[in-house]
C-alpha atoms as a PDB file:
ATOM      1  CA  MET A   1      96.566 346.959 -50.047  1.00  0.00           C
ATOM      2  CA  LYS A   2      97.996 346.902 -46.528  1.00  0.00           C
ATOM      3  CA  TYR A   3     101.671 347.460 -45.858  1.00  0.00           C
ATOM      4  CA  ASN A   4     103.961 346.406 -43.076  1.00  0.00           C
ATOM      5  CA  ILE A   5     105.862 349.672 -43.052  1.00  0.00           C
ATOM      6  CA  GLN A   6     108.755 348.307 -40.976  1.00  0.00           C
ATOM      7  CA  LYS A   7     109.343 345.487 -43.466  1.00  0.00           C
ATOM      8  CA  LEU A   8     109.089 347.937 -46.354  1.00  0.00           C
ATOM      9  CA  PHE A   9     111.639 350.260 -44.692  1.00  0.00           C
ATOM     10  CA  ASN A  10     113.993 347.334 -44.081  1.00  0.00           C
ATOM     11  CA  ARG A  11     113.652 346.165 -47.691  1.00  0.00           C
ATOM     12  CA  GLY A  12     114.533 349.627 -48.958  1.00  0.00           C
ATOM     13  CA  TYR A  13     117.553 349.945 -46.678  1.00  0.00           C
ATOM     14  CA  THR A  14     118.783 346.465 -47.587  1.00  0.00           C
ATOM     15  CA  ALA A  15     118.457 347.189 -51.312  1.00  0.00           C
ATOM     16  CA  THR A  16     120.394 350.445 -50.916  1.00  0.00           C
ATOM     17  CA  VAL A  17     123.175 348.638 -49.043  1.00  0.00           C
ATOM     18  CA  LYS A  18     123.281 345.862 -51.654  1.00  0.00           C
ATOM     19  CA  ARG A  19     123.646 348.503 -54.380  1.00  0.00           C
ATOM     20  CA  GLY A  20     126.711 349.816 -52.545  1.00  0.00           C
ATOM     21  CA  CYS A  21     125.154 353.202 -51.807  1.00  0.00           C
ATOM     22  CA  ILE A  22     125.585 352.697 -48.046  1.00  0.00           C
ATOM     23  CA  THR A  23     128.869 351.158 -46.900  1.00  0.00           C
ATOM     24  CA  ASN A  24     131.117 351.243 -43.861  1.00  0.00           C
ATOM     25  CA  LYS A  25     132.703 354.343 -45.443  1.00  0.00           C
ATOM     26  CA  THR A  26     129.414 356.249 -45.727  1.00  0.00           C
ATOM     27  CA  LYS A  27     129.336 359.484 -43.710  1.00  0.00           C
ATOM     28  CA  PRO A  28     126.427 361.733 -42.670  1.00  0.00           C
ATOM     29  CA  ILE A  29     127.483 364.307 -45.271  1.00  0.00           C
ATOM     30  CA  ASP A  30     126.868 361.673 -47.961  1.00  0.00           C
ATOM     31  CA  PHE A  31     123.203 361.520 -46.954  1.00  0.00           C
ATOM     32  CA  ILE A  32     122.950 365.298 -46.815  1.00  0.00           C
ATOM     33  CA  ASN A  33     124.420 365.579 -50.309  1.00  0.00           C
ATOM     34  CA  LYS A  34     122.060 362.875 -51.574  1.00  0.00           C
ATOM     35  CA  LEU A  35     119.092 364.751 -50.096  1.00  0.00           C
ATOM     36  CA  LYS A  36     120.236 367.910 -51.913  1.00  0.00           C
ATOM     37  CA  GLU A  37     120.530 365.938 -55.160  1.00  0.00           C
ATOM     38  CA  GLU A  38     117.055 364.468 -54.721  1.00  0.00           C
ATOM     39  CA  LEU A  39     115.576 367.882 -53.911  1.00  0.00           C
ATOM     40  CA  LYS A  40     117.047 369.248 -57.127  1.00  0.00           C
ATOM     41  CA  GLU A  41     115.428 366.373 -59.019  1.00  0.00           C
ATOM     42  CA  VAL A  42     112.076 367.214 -57.395  1.00  0.00           C
ATOM     43  CA  GLU A  43     112.445 370.819 -58.541  1.00  0.00           C
ATOM     44  CA  GLU A  44     113.282 369.700 -62.083  1.00  0.00           C
ATOM     45  CA  SER A  45     110.415 367.206 -62.377  1.00  0.00           C
ATOM     46  CA  THR A  46     107.421 369.464 -61.759  1.00  0.00           C
ATOM     47  CA  ASP A  47     106.264 369.169 -65.385  1.00  0.00           C
ATOM     48  CA  ASN A  48     105.756 365.410 -65.119  1.00  0.00           C
ATOM     49  CA  TYR A  49     103.529 364.402 -62.203  1.00  0.00           C
ATOM     50  CA  SER A  50     104.523 360.704 -62.257  1.00  0.00           C
ATOM     51  CA  ASP A  51     108.229 361.529 -62.156  1.00  0.00           C
ATOM     52  CA  HIS A  52     107.628 364.270 -59.608  1.00  0.00           C
ATOM     53  CA  ILE A  53     105.931 362.069 -57.017  1.00  0.00           C
ATOM     54  CA  LEU A  54     108.608 359.385 -57.429  1.00  0.00           C
ATOM     55  CA  GLU A  55     111.301 362.006 -56.816  1.00  0.00           C
ATOM     56  CA  VAL A  56     109.466 363.094 -53.655  1.00  0.00           C
ATOM     57  CA  GLY A  57     109.468 359.413 -52.685  1.00  0.00           C
ATOM     58  CA  ASP A  58     113.239 359.349 -53.229  1.00  0.00           C
ATOM     59  CA  ILE A  59     113.603 362.146 -50.670  1.00  0.00           C
ATOM     60  CA  ILE A  60     111.538 360.174 -48.174  1.00  0.00           C
ATOM     61  CA  GLU A  61     113.573 357.021 -48.870  1.00  0.00           C
ATOM     62  CA  THR A  62     116.880 358.860 -48.497  1.00  0.00           C
ATOM     63  CA  ALA A  63     115.807 360.514 -45.235  1.00  0.00           C
ATOM     64  CA  LYS A  64     114.535 357.167 -43.928  1.00  0.00           C
ATOM     65  CA  ASN A  65     117.814 355.472 -44.842  1.00  0.00           C
ATOM     66  CA  TYR A  66     119.741 358.226 -43.059  1.00  0.00           C
ATOM     67  CA  LEU A  67     117.746 357.620 -39.883  1.00  0.00           C
ATOM     68  CA  MET A  68     118.357 353.882 -40.136  1.00  0.00           C
ATOM     69  CA  TYR A  69     122.073 354.506 -40.752  1.00  0.00           C
ATOM     70  CA  LEU A  70     122.035 356.510 -37.492  1.00  0.00           C
ATOM     71  CA  CYS A  71     120.393 353.480 -35.810  1.00  0.00           C
ATOM     72  CA  GLU A  72     117.150 355.373 -35.297  1.00  0.00           C
ATOM     73  CA  ASP A  73     113.706 353.899 -35.881  1.00  0.00           C
ATOM     74  CA  PRO A  74     112.162 356.043 -38.649  1.00  0.00           C
ATOM     75  CA  ILE A  75     108.631 355.222 -37.506  1.00  0.00           C
ATOM     76  CA  LYS A  76     109.345 356.523 -33.998  1.00  0.00           C
ATOM     77  CA  ILE A  77     110.987 359.654 -35.412  1.00  0.00           C
ATOM     78  CA  ILE A  78     108.017 360.311 -37.720  1.00  0.00           C
ATOM     79  CA  GLU A  79     105.675 359.877 -34.761  1.00  0.00           C
ATOM     80  CA  LYS A  80     107.684 362.419 -32.725  1.00  0.00           C
ATOM     81  CA  VAL A  81     107.486 364.890 -35.607  1.00  0.00           C
ATOM     82  CA  VAL A  82     103.720 364.361 -35.972  1.00  0.00           C
ATOM     83  CA  ILE A  83     103.215 364.921 -32.237  1.00  0.00           C
ATOM     84  CA  LYS A  84     105.345 368.078 -32.406  1.00  0.00           C
ATOM     85  CA  ASN A  85     103.243 369.387 -35.304  1.00  0.00           C
ATOM     86  CA  GLU A  86      99.968 368.471 -33.596  1.00  0.00           C
ATOM     87  CA  LYS A  87     101.062 370.481 -30.556  1.00  0.00           C
ATOM     88  CA  ARG A  88     101.929 373.442 -32.779  1.00  0.00           C
ATOM     89  CA  ALA A  89      98.544 373.188 -34.508  1.00  0.00           C
ATOM     90  CA  LYS A  90      96.469 372.836 -31.347  1.00  0.00           C
ATOM     91  CA  GLY A  91      93.666 375.364 -31.402  1.00  0.00           C
ATOM     92  CA  LEU A  92      94.369 376.480 -34.959  1.00  0.00           C
ATOM     93  CA  LYS A  93      91.807 376.155 -37.718  1.00  0.00           C
ATOM     94  CA  PRO A  94      92.844 374.922 -41.167  1.00  0.00           C
ATOM     95  CA  ASP A  95      93.113 377.373 -44.027  1.00  0.00           C
ATOM     96  CA  LYS A  96      89.815 377.141 -45.907  1.00  0.00           C
ATOM     97  CA  TYR A  97      91.667 376.968 -49.214  1.00  0.00           C
ATOM     98  CA  HIS A  98      93.908 374.075 -48.251  1.00  0.00           C
ATOM     99  CA  ARG A  99      93.062 370.683 -49.728  1.00  0.00           C
ATOM    100  CA  PHE A 100      92.934 368.025 -47.052  1.00  0.00           C
ATOM    101  CA  ARG A 101      93.203 364.390 -47.949  1.00  0.00           C
ATOM    102  CA  ASN A 102      92.659 361.542 -45.584  1.00  0.00           C
ATOM    103  CA  PHE A 103      94.523 358.396 -46.518  1.00  0.00           C
ATOM    104  CA  THR A 104      94.170 355.070 -44.810  1.00  0.00           C
ATOM    105  CA  PHE A 105      97.381 353.124 -45.204  1.00  0.00           C
ATOM    106  CA  ILE A 106      97.134 350.760 -42.255  1.00  0.00           C
ATOM    107  CA  ASN A 107      94.053 349.736 -40.304  1.00  0.00           C
END
């Protein structure tokens, strides 16, 4: 299945606004507190893999919504972070015990 990530991000943001979780009274600290709440839920869900990965997804969704609230393009921000990490990793070899997975989301 192929995804249009921008449309998916917009759908998520719109749904969050419709639910009243993001309003004209929302402040940056509200997102920070929500991220803390979601992180706690990740910590508490380690015994159930299905719940755990959805809670990790909630962190991603909350962080993405925060960027959109700040009028930033999450895709561009993610790309900047990837480039920063690639620069940090240049010349380094991966740990032989680390599991690498290659996913193809978009061709």
